[in-house]
């Protein structure tokens, strides 16, 4: 790390910094104990805010993808169709809450009467919450956001995207591979877009960097119908989800039953 050239005390800089710098301040090196305590408090507040907003959203399927996809693109329509299909299965559609693929998936859910939630992130660009959200929580820290996107979900759908989408994909894959979460299905949409990545995963398995069985943790397809059937077969029965009646029908599993009872 370079020497901090600011003349302000670290605690003062942390307290007055714009929200989008929260991650940057935390990662720029050690500060005073008060400054570190303030950072810890902000992280805790992020989690508490997320837990409160998302506690009763029901079992979700999280859709990852680029914020830069335009509404007139084929990828947007694919994500919109996927969001609608997930909602028809009875799940709440969860996204990062922003534009592009996230907006499309949330929009698809809302258009068929499904439930739609988002975990937005404070950034100086790209990340205003989209208009198709029943509930939304806006967070300071990327790692808190990723945790929440995983915590409430029974499946993950990975649409075309960039570095952030890759980060989210490998977060879900690593947590599943290491047993930190249960074997929730991970669906990668777009065989051509993700070809080099899937080739790399196959190479990793061939060279022993991952196990051959790890390749079965991801399901790669271009078909919304096949993706939805994979999600249905790997979630509803295996995790004992129970159909309940809300504004639209949805499912309750062990996670949801505990939440409903609390």
C-alpha atoms as a PDB file:
ATOM      1  CA  UNK A   1       0.000   0.000   0.000  1.00  0.00           C
ATOM      2  CA  UNK A   2       1.170   3.514  -0.701  1.00  0.00           C
ATOM      3  CA  UNK A   3       1.523   6.177   1.964  1.00  0.00           C
ATOM      4  CA  UNK A   4      -1.757   7.957   2.673  1.00  0.00           C
ATOM      5  CA  UNK A   5      -1.158  11.559   1.722  1.00  0.00           C
ATOM      6  CA  UNK A   6      -4.394  12.955   3.138  1.00  0.00           C
ATOM      7  CA  UNK A   7      -3.932  15.502   5.933  1.00  0.00           C
ATOM      8  CA  UNK A   8      -7.228  14.476   7.607  1.00  0.00           C
ATOM      9  CA  UNK A   9      -7.218  11.867  10.390  1.00  0.00           C
ATOM     10  CA  UNK A  10      -8.351   8.423   9.178  1.00  0.00           C
ATOM     11  CA  UNK A  11     -11.473   8.384  11.381  1.00  0.00           C
ATOM     12  CA  UNK A  12     -12.522  11.803  10.101  1.00  0.00           C
ATOM     13  CA  UNK A  13     -12.012  10.701   6.483  1.00  0.00           C
ATOM     14  CA  UNK A  14     -14.037   7.512   7.066  1.00  0.00           C
ATOM     15  CA  UNK A  15     -16.896   9.368   8.716  1.00  0.00           C
ATOM     16  CA  UNK A  16     -17.169  12.047   6.026  1.00  0.00           C
ATOM     17  CA  UNK A  17     -16.331  10.004   2.926  1.00  0.00           C
ATOM     18  CA  UNK A  18     -19.047   9.461   0.309  1.00  0.00           C
ATOM     19  CA  UNK A  19     -20.739   6.047   0.622  1.00  0.00           C
ATOM     20  CA  UNK A  20     -19.287   4.689  -2.621  1.00  0.00           C
ATOM     21  CA  UNK A  21     -15.799   4.907  -1.051  1.00  0.00           C
ATOM     22  CA  UNK A  22     -16.656   2.554   1.828  1.00  0.00           C
ATOM     23  CA  UNK A  23     -14.966  -0.466   0.241  1.00  0.00           C
ATOM     24  CA  UNK A  24     -11.958   1.604  -0.822  1.00  0.00           C
ATOM     25  CA  UNK A  25     -11.385   2.977   2.665  1.00  0.00           C
ATOM     26  CA  UNK A  26     -11.651  -0.471   4.246  1.00  0.00           C
ATOM     27  CA  UNK A  27      -9.139  -1.967   1.812  1.00  0.00           C
ATOM     28  CA  UNK A  28      -6.522   0.790   1.739  1.00  0.00           C
ATOM     29  CA  UNK A  29      -4.615  -0.517   4.767  1.00  0.00           C
ATOM     30  CA  UNK A  30      -4.616  -0.313   8.568  1.00  0.00           C
ATOM     31  CA  UNK A  31      -6.061   2.761  10.265  1.00  0.00           C
ATOM     32  CA  UNK A  32      -6.586   3.856  13.836  1.00  0.00           C
ATOM     33  CA  UNK A  33      -8.558   1.563  16.103  1.00  0.00           C
ATOM     34  CA  UNK A  34     -11.432   4.032  16.152  1.00  0.00           C
ATOM     35  CA  UNK A  35     -11.438   4.117  12.365  1.00  0.00           C
ATOM     36  CA  UNK A  36     -11.469   0.308  12.168  1.00  0.00           C
ATOM     37  CA  UNK A  37     -14.318   0.188  14.710  1.00  0.00           C
ATOM     38  CA  UNK A  38     -16.299   2.663  12.608  1.00  0.00           C
ATOM     39  CA  UNK A  39     -15.768   0.454   9.536  1.00  0.00           C
ATOM     40  CA  UNK A  40     -16.878  -2.624  11.475  1.00  0.00           C
ATOM     41  CA  UNK A  41     -20.003  -0.798  12.625  1.00  0.00           C
ATOM     42  CA  UNK A  42     -20.848   0.198   9.053  1.00  0.00           C
ATOM     43  CA  UNK A  43     -20.399  -3.418   7.892  1.00  0.00           C
ATOM     44  CA  UNK A  44     -22.696  -4.602  10.690  1.00  0.00           C
ATOM     45  CA  UNK A  45     -25.261  -1.949   9.758  1.00  0.00           C
ATOM     46  CA  UNK A  46     -25.145  -3.127   6.134  1.00  0.00           C
ATOM     47  CA  UNK A  47     -25.919  -6.707   7.186  1.00  0.00           C
ATOM     48  CA  UNK A  48     -28.674  -5.637   9.598  1.00  0.00           C
ATOM     49  CA  UNK A  49     -30.300  -3.509   6.910  1.00  0.00           C
ATOM     50  CA  UNK A  50     -30.213  -6.419   4.492  1.00  0.00           C
ATOM     51  CA  UNK A  51     -31.548  -8.959   6.991  1.00  0.00           C
ATOM     52  CA  UNK A  52     -34.430  -6.669   7.919  1.00  0.00           C
ATOM     53  CA  UNK A  53     -35.517  -5.898   4.350  1.00  0.00           C
ATOM     54  CA  UNK A  54     -35.146  -9.440   3.005  1.00  0.00           C
ATOM     55  CA  UNK A  55     -36.305 -11.536   5.977  1.00  0.00           C
ATOM     56  CA  UNK A  56     -39.710 -12.451   4.534  1.00  0.00           C
ATOM     57  CA  UNK A  57     -39.015 -12.421   0.790  1.00  0.00           C
ATOM     58  CA  UNK A  58     -39.368 -16.203   0.565  1.00  0.00           C
ATOM     59  CA  UNK A  59     -37.151 -18.669  -1.280  1.00  0.00           C
ATOM     60  CA  UNK A  60     -35.387 -16.833  -4.096  1.00  0.00           C
ATOM     61  CA  UNK A  61     -33.572 -17.573  -7.304  1.00  0.00           C
ATOM     62  CA  UNK A  62     -30.805 -15.038  -7.900  1.00  0.00           C
ATOM     63  CA  UNK A  63     -30.075 -13.805 -11.409  1.00  0.00           C
ATOM     64  CA  UNK A  64     -26.604 -12.399 -12.090  1.00  0.00           C
ATOM     65  CA  UNK A  65     -25.672 -10.396 -15.182  1.00  0.00           C
ATOM     66  CA  UNK A  66     -24.399  -7.170 -16.673  1.00  0.00           C
ATOM     67  CA  UNK A  67     -25.782  -3.745 -15.788  1.00  0.00           C
ATOM     68  CA  UNK A  68     -24.775  -2.545 -19.280  1.00  0.00           C
ATOM     69  CA  UNK A  69     -27.228  -4.623 -21.317  1.00  0.00           C
ATOM     70  CA  UNK A  70     -29.763  -2.424 -23.150  1.00  0.00           C
ATOM     71  CA  UNK A  71     -33.538  -3.036 -23.173  1.00  0.00           C
ATOM     72  CA  UNK A  72     -33.594  -3.608 -26.942  1.00  0.00           C
ATOM     73  CA  UNK A  73     -31.044  -6.442 -26.822  1.00  0.00           C
ATOM     74  CA  UNK A  74     -31.575 -10.188 -27.112  1.00  0.00           C
ATOM     75  CA  UNK A  75     -29.852 -10.685 -23.738  1.00  0.00           C
ATOM     76  CA  UNK A  76     -32.348  -8.354 -22.042  1.00  0.00           C
ATOM     77  CA  UNK A  77     -35.294 -10.282 -23.479  1.00  0.00           C
ATOM     78  CA  UNK A  78     -33.711 -13.581 -22.435  1.00  0.00           C
ATOM     79  CA  UNK A  79     -33.314 -12.352 -18.853  1.00  0.00           C
ATOM     80  CA  UNK A  80     -36.863 -11.003 -18.870  1.00  0.00           C
ATOM     81  CA  UNK A  81     -38.177 -14.395 -19.983  1.00  0.00           C
ATOM     82  CA  UNK A  82     -36.054 -16.093 -17.355  1.00  0.00           C
ATOM     83  CA  UNK A  83     -37.398 -13.813 -14.623  1.00  0.00           C
ATOM     84  CA  UNK A  84     -40.958 -14.590 -15.658  1.00  0.00           C
ATOM     85  CA  UNK A  85     -40.247 -18.322 -15.686  1.00  0.00           C
ATOM     86  CA  UNK A  86     -38.641 -18.256 -12.248  1.00  0.00           C
ATOM     87  CA  UNK A  87     -41.662 -16.383 -10.872  1.00  0.00           C
ATOM     88  CA  UNK A  88     -44.039 -18.901 -12.428  1.00  0.00           C
ATOM     89  CA  UNK A  89     -42.151 -21.653 -10.609  1.00  0.00           C
ATOM     90  CA  UNK A  90     -43.109 -19.868  -7.391  1.00  0.00           C
ATOM     91  CA  UNK A  91     -39.769 -18.321  -6.469  1.00  0.00           C
ATOM     92  CA  UNK A  92     -38.957 -14.706  -5.704  1.00  0.00           C
ATOM     93  CA  UNK A  93     -36.591 -13.257  -8.301  1.00  0.00           C
ATOM     94  CA  UNK A  94     -33.565 -11.649  -6.658  1.00  0.00           C
ATOM     95  CA  UNK A  95     -30.977  -9.526  -8.478  1.00  0.00           C
ATOM     96  CA  UNK A  96     -28.411  -6.852  -7.761  1.00  0.00           C
ATOM     97  CA  UNK A  97     -31.257  -4.363  -8.195  1.00  0.00           C
ATOM     98  CA  UNK A  98     -29.701  -2.297 -10.976  1.00  0.00           C
ATOM     99  CA  UNK A  99     -30.287  -1.836 -14.707  1.00  0.00           C
ATOM    100  CA  UNK A 100     -29.539  -4.175 -17.606  1.00  0.00           C
ATOM    101  CA  UNK A 101     -29.899  -7.909 -16.941  1.00  0.00           C
ATOM    102  CA  UNK A 102     -30.974  -7.189 -13.371  1.00  0.00           C
ATOM    103  CA  UNK A 103     -33.806  -4.929 -14.478  1.00  0.00           C
ATOM    104  CA  UNK A 104     -34.901  -7.436 -17.126  1.00  0.00           C
ATOM    105  CA  UNK A 105     -35.171 -10.328 -14.659  1.00  0.00           C
ATOM    106  CA  UNK A 106     -37.032  -8.213 -12.100  1.00  0.00           C
ATOM    107  CA  UNK A 107     -39.314  -6.906 -14.834  1.00  0.00           C
ATOM    108  CA  UNK A 108     -40.132 -10.397 -16.066  1.00  0.00           C
ATOM    109  CA  UNK A 109     -41.141 -11.448 -12.563  1.00  0.00           C
ATOM    110  CA  UNK A 110     -43.370  -8.417 -12.025  1.00  0.00           C
ATOM    111  CA  UNK A 111     -45.086  -8.820 -15.387  1.00  0.00           C
ATOM    112  CA  UNK A 112     -46.428 -12.253 -14.425  1.00  0.00           C
ATOM    113  CA  UNK A 113     -47.440 -11.252 -10.900  1.00  0.00           C
ATOM    114  CA  UNK A 114     -44.340 -12.650  -9.205  1.00  0.00           C
ATOM    115  CA  UNK A 115     -42.229 -11.203  -6.432  1.00  0.00           C
ATOM    116  CA  UNK A 116     -39.104  -9.219  -7.205  1.00  0.00           C
ATOM    117  CA  UNK A 117     -36.342  -7.979  -4.880  1.00  0.00           C
ATOM    118  CA  UNK A 118     -32.935  -6.356  -5.268  1.00  0.00           C
ATOM    119  CA  UNK A 119     -29.677  -5.849  -3.384  1.00  0.00           C
ATOM    120  CA  UNK A 120     -28.377  -2.603  -4.800  1.00  0.00           C
ATOM    121  CA  UNK A 121     -24.853  -1.212  -4.307  1.00  0.00           C
ATOM    122  CA  UNK A 122     -23.807   2.401  -3.826  1.00  0.00           C
ATOM    123  CA  UNK A 123     -21.642   3.393  -6.789  1.00  0.00           C
ATOM    124  CA  UNK A 124     -20.914   6.685  -8.546  1.00  0.00           C
ATOM    125  CA  UNK A 125     -22.335   5.213 -11.792  1.00  0.00           C
ATOM    126  CA  UNK A 126     -24.639   2.512 -13.213  1.00  0.00           C
ATOM    127  CA  UNK A 127     -26.391   1.429 -10.038  1.00  0.00           C
ATOM    128  CA  UNK A 128     -29.681   3.292  -9.505  1.00  0.00           C
ATOM    129  CA  UNK A 129     -32.325   0.762  -8.387  1.00  0.00           C
ATOM    130  CA  UNK A 130     -34.610  -0.345 -11.202  1.00  0.00           C
ATOM    131  CA  UNK A 131     -38.360   0.294 -11.087  1.00  0.00           C
ATOM    132  CA  UNK A 132     -39.492  -3.356 -10.935  1.00  0.00           C
ATOM    133  CA  UNK A 133     -38.657  -4.109  -7.297  1.00  0.00           C
ATOM    134  CA  UNK A 134     -41.100  -4.972  -4.508  1.00  0.00           C
ATOM    135  CA  UNK A 135     -38.292  -4.605  -2.004  1.00  0.00           C
ATOM    136  CA  UNK A 136     -34.788  -3.209  -2.313  1.00  0.00           C
ATOM    137  CA  UNK A 137     -31.880  -2.723   0.051  1.00  0.00           C
ATOM    138  CA  UNK A 138     -28.967  -0.463  -0.906  1.00  0.00           C
ATOM    139  CA  UNK A 139     -25.606  -1.465   0.526  1.00  0.00           C
ATOM    140  CA  UNK A 140     -22.148   0.025   0.988  1.00  0.00           C
ATOM    141  CA  UNK A 141     -20.056  -3.130   0.637  1.00  0.00           C
ATOM    142  CA  UNK A 142     -19.796  -5.523  -2.281  1.00  0.00           C
ATOM    143  CA  UNK A 143     -19.041  -8.515  -0.063  1.00  0.00           C
ATOM    144  CA  UNK A 144     -22.169  -7.861   2.025  1.00  0.00           C
ATOM    145  CA  UNK A 145     -24.201  -7.663  -1.154  1.00  0.00           C
ATOM    146  CA  UNK A 146     -22.789 -10.966  -2.442  1.00  0.00           C
ATOM    147  CA  UNK A 147     -23.551 -12.645   0.869  1.00  0.00           C
ATOM    148  CA  UNK A 148     -27.184 -11.523   0.754  1.00  0.00           C
ATOM    149  CA  UNK A 149     -27.579 -12.579  -2.880  1.00  0.00           C
ATOM    150  CA  UNK A 150     -26.491 -16.071  -1.830  1.00  0.00           C
ATOM    151  CA  UNK A 151     -28.175 -16.271   1.591  1.00  0.00           C
ATOM    152  CA  UNK A 152     -31.794 -16.287   0.430  1.00  0.00           C
ATOM    153  CA  UNK A 153     -31.431 -18.263  -2.810  1.00  0.00           C
ATOM    154  CA  UNK A 154     -32.048 -21.856  -3.798  1.00  0.00           C
ATOM    155  CA  UNK A 155     -30.561 -21.455  -7.292  1.00  0.00           C
ATOM    156  CA  UNK A 156     -28.391 -19.072  -9.300  1.00  0.00           C
ATOM    157  CA  UNK A 157     -28.773 -18.039 -12.935  1.00  0.00           C
ATOM    158  CA  UNK A 158     -25.736 -16.490 -14.606  1.00  0.00           C
ATOM    159  CA  UNK A 159     -26.524 -14.358 -17.657  1.00  0.00           C
ATOM    160  CA  UNK A 160     -23.929 -12.619 -19.877  1.00  0.00           C
ATOM    161  CA  UNK A 161     -21.906 -10.146 -17.863  1.00  0.00           C
ATOM    162  CA  UNK A 162     -18.480  -8.800 -16.985  1.00  0.00           C
ATOM    163  CA  UNK A 163     -16.071  -8.901 -14.047  1.00  0.00           C
ATOM    164  CA  UNK A 164     -18.799  -8.486 -11.429  1.00  0.00           C
ATOM    165  CA  UNK A 165     -20.807 -11.352 -12.895  1.00  0.00           C
ATOM    166  CA  UNK A 166     -17.725 -13.577 -12.905  1.00  0.00           C
ATOM    167  CA  UNK A 167     -17.110 -12.657  -9.281  1.00  0.00           C
ATOM    168  CA  UNK A 168     -20.663 -13.626  -8.352  1.00  0.00           C
ATOM    169  CA  UNK A 169     -20.538 -16.854 -10.368  1.00  0.00           C
ATOM    170  CA  UNK A 170     -17.332 -18.044  -8.726  1.00  0.00           C
ATOM    171  CA  UNK A 171     -18.557 -16.987  -5.292  1.00  0.00           C
ATOM    172  CA  UNK A 172     -21.573 -19.282  -5.687  1.00  0.00           C
ATOM    173  CA  UNK A 173     -19.479 -22.039  -7.274  1.00  0.00           C
ATOM    174  CA  UNK A 174     -16.770 -21.950  -4.600  1.00  0.00           C
ATOM    175  CA  UNK A 175     -19.287 -21.954  -1.745  1.00  0.00           C
ATOM    176  CA  UNK A 176     -21.035 -24.963  -3.285  1.00  0.00           C
ATOM    177  CA  UNK A 177     -17.784 -26.785  -4.099  1.00  0.00           C
ATOM    178  CA  UNK A 178     -16.493 -26.388  -0.539  1.00  0.00           C
ATOM    179  CA  UNK A 179     -19.794 -27.298   1.124  1.00  0.00           C
ATOM    180  CA  UNK A 180     -20.325 -23.862   2.658  1.00  0.00           C
ATOM    181  CA  UNK A 181     -23.779 -23.866   1.079  1.00  0.00           C
ATOM    182  CA  UNK A 182     -25.882 -26.791  -0.067  1.00  0.00           C
ATOM    183  CA  UNK A 183     -25.783 -28.093  -3.611  1.00  0.00           C
ATOM    184  CA  UNK A 184     -27.979 -25.390  -5.092  1.00  0.00           C
ATOM    185  CA  UNK A 185     -28.105 -25.429  -8.919  1.00  0.00           C
ATOM    186  CA  UNK A 186     -25.998 -22.937 -10.860  1.00  0.00           C
ATOM    187  CA  UNK A 187     -27.295 -22.299 -14.386  1.00  0.00           C
ATOM    188  CA  UNK A 188     -25.087 -20.535 -16.931  1.00  0.00           C
ATOM    189  CA  UNK A 189     -27.133 -19.039 -19.776  1.00  0.00           C
ATOM    190  CA  UNK A 190     -25.401 -18.525 -23.137  1.00  0.00           C
ATOM    191  CA  UNK A 191     -23.209 -21.329 -24.456  1.00  0.00           C
ATOM    192  CA  UNK A 192     -21.477 -19.121 -27.021  1.00  0.00           C
ATOM    193  CA  UNK A 193     -20.858 -16.182 -24.682  1.00  0.00           C
ATOM    194  CA  UNK A 194     -19.428 -18.396 -21.931  1.00  0.00           C
ATOM    195  CA  UNK A 195     -17.613 -20.894 -24.200  1.00  0.00           C
ATOM    196  CA  UNK A 196     -14.088 -19.856 -23.209  1.00  0.00           C
ATOM    197  CA  UNK A 197     -15.028 -19.998 -19.536  1.00  0.00           C
ATOM    198  CA  UNK A 198     -16.547 -23.465 -19.757  1.00  0.00           C
ATOM    199  CA  UNK A 199     -13.508 -24.611 -21.741  1.00  0.00           C
ATOM    200  CA  UNK A 200     -11.313 -23.250 -18.943  1.00  0.00           C
ATOM    201  CA  UNK A 201     -13.316 -25.138 -16.319  1.00  0.00           C
ATOM    202  CA  UNK A 202     -12.899 -28.329 -18.348  1.00  0.00           C
ATOM    203  CA  UNK A 203      -9.147 -27.644 -18.562  1.00  0.00           C
ATOM    204  CA  UNK A 204      -8.970 -27.131 -14.792  1.00  0.00           C
ATOM    205  CA  UNK A 205     -10.635 -30.501 -14.268  1.00  0.00           C
ATOM    206  CA  UNK A 206      -8.357 -32.190 -16.813  1.00  0.00           C
ATOM    207  CA  UNK A 207      -5.271 -30.847 -15.025  1.00  0.00           C
ATOM    208  CA  UNK A 208      -6.587 -31.743 -11.595  1.00  0.00           C
ATOM    209  CA  UNK A 209      -7.058 -28.176 -10.389  1.00  0.00           C
ATOM    210  CA  UNK A 210     -10.696 -28.980  -9.669  1.00  0.00           C
ATOM    211  CA  UNK A 211     -12.434 -32.337  -9.457  1.00  0.00           C
ATOM    212  CA  UNK A 212     -14.306 -33.838 -12.395  1.00  0.00           C
ATOM    213  CA  UNK A 213     -17.394 -33.848 -10.189  1.00  0.00           C
ATOM    214  CA  UNK A 214     -17.137 -30.072  -9.837  1.00  0.00           C
ATOM    215  CA  UNK A 215     -18.106 -29.697 -13.497  1.00  0.00           C
ATOM    216  CA  UNK A 216     -21.540 -31.056 -12.630  1.00  0.00           C
ATOM    217  CA  UNK A 217     -22.136 -28.106 -10.308  1.00  0.00           C
ATOM    218  CA  UNK A 218     -22.856 -25.875 -13.311  1.00  0.00           C
ATOM    219  CA  UNK A 219     -25.499 -26.420 -15.982  1.00  0.00           C
ATOM    220  CA  UNK A 220     -24.854 -24.596 -19.254  1.00  0.00           C
ATOM    221  CA  UNK A 221     -27.698 -23.999 -21.689  1.00  0.00           C
ATOM    222  CA  UNK A 222     -29.339 -21.581 -24.134  1.00  0.00           C
ATOM    223  CA  UNK A 223     -32.857 -22.784 -23.339  1.00  0.00           C
ATOM    224  CA  UNK A 224     -35.035 -21.045 -20.783  1.00  0.00           C
ATOM    225  CA  UNK A 225     -37.255 -24.134 -20.601  1.00  0.00           C
ATOM    226  CA  UNK A 226     -34.297 -26.426 -19.918  1.00  0.00           C
ATOM    227  CA  UNK A 227     -32.912 -24.007 -17.326  1.00  0.00           C
ATOM    228  CA  UNK A 228     -36.241 -23.813 -15.496  1.00  0.00           C
ATOM    229  CA  UNK A 229     -36.668 -27.585 -15.511  1.00  0.00           C
ATOM    230  CA  UNK A 230     -33.154 -27.973 -14.100  1.00  0.00           C
ATOM    231  CA  UNK A 231     -33.941 -25.474 -11.323  1.00  0.00           C
ATOM    232  CA  UNK A 232     -37.278 -27.143 -10.572  1.00  0.00           C
ATOM    233  CA  UNK A 233     -35.834 -30.647 -10.395  1.00  0.00           C
ATOM    234  CA  UNK A 234     -32.848 -29.609  -8.266  1.00  0.00           C
ATOM    235  CA  UNK A 235     -34.709 -27.437  -5.747  1.00  0.00           C
ATOM    236  CA  UNK A 236     -38.396 -28.007  -5.109  1.00  0.00           C
ATOM    237  CA  UNK A 237     -38.331 -31.695  -4.265  1.00  0.00           C
ATOM    238  CA  UNK A 238     -34.722 -32.078  -3.025  1.00  0.00           C
ATOM    239  CA  UNK A 239     -35.101 -29.232  -0.502  1.00  0.00           C
ATOM    240  CA  UNK A 240     -38.654 -30.071   0.525  1.00  0.00           C
ATOM    241  CA  UNK A 241     -40.213 -26.802  -0.587  1.00  0.00           C
ATOM    242  CA  UNK A 242     -43.882 -26.454   0.364  1.00  0.00           C
ATOM    243  CA  UNK A 243     -46.336 -24.502  -1.754  1.00  0.00           C
ATOM    244  CA  UNK A 244     -48.008 -21.598   0.062  1.00  0.00           C
ATOM    245  CA  UNK A 245     -50.492 -18.922  -0.988  1.00  0.00           C
ATOM    246  CA  UNK A 246     -49.427 -15.297  -0.870  1.00  0.00           C
ATOM    247  CA  UNK A 247     -50.084 -12.487  -3.344  1.00  0.00           C
ATOM    248  CA  UNK A 248     -49.036 -15.082  -5.896  1.00  0.00           C
ATOM    249  CA  UNK A 249     -48.182 -18.664  -5.056  1.00  0.00           C
ATOM    250  CA  UNK A 250     -44.667 -19.346  -3.821  1.00  0.00           C
ATOM    251  CA  UNK A 251     -42.682 -21.897  -1.871  1.00  0.00           C
ATOM    252  CA  UNK A 252     -41.468 -22.364   1.663  1.00  0.00           C
ATOM    253  CA  UNK A 253     -38.557 -24.576   2.592  1.00  0.00           C
ATOM    254  CA  UNK A 254     -36.604 -25.085   5.790  1.00  0.00           C
ATOM    255  CA  UNK A 255     -35.239 -21.515   5.570  1.00  0.00           C
ATOM    256  CA  UNK A 256     -38.659 -20.003   4.906  1.00  0.00           C
ATOM    257  CA  UNK A 257     -40.458 -22.022   7.554  1.00  0.00           C
ATOM    258  CA  UNK A 258     -37.985 -20.849  10.186  1.00  0.00           C
ATOM    259  CA  UNK A 259     -38.420 -17.239   9.045  1.00  0.00           C
ATOM    260  CA  UNK A 260     -42.216 -17.493   9.066  1.00  0.00           C
ATOM    261  CA  UNK A 261     -42.141 -18.830  12.598  1.00  0.00           C
ATOM    262  CA  UNK A 262     -39.904 -16.042  13.919  1.00  0.00           C
END
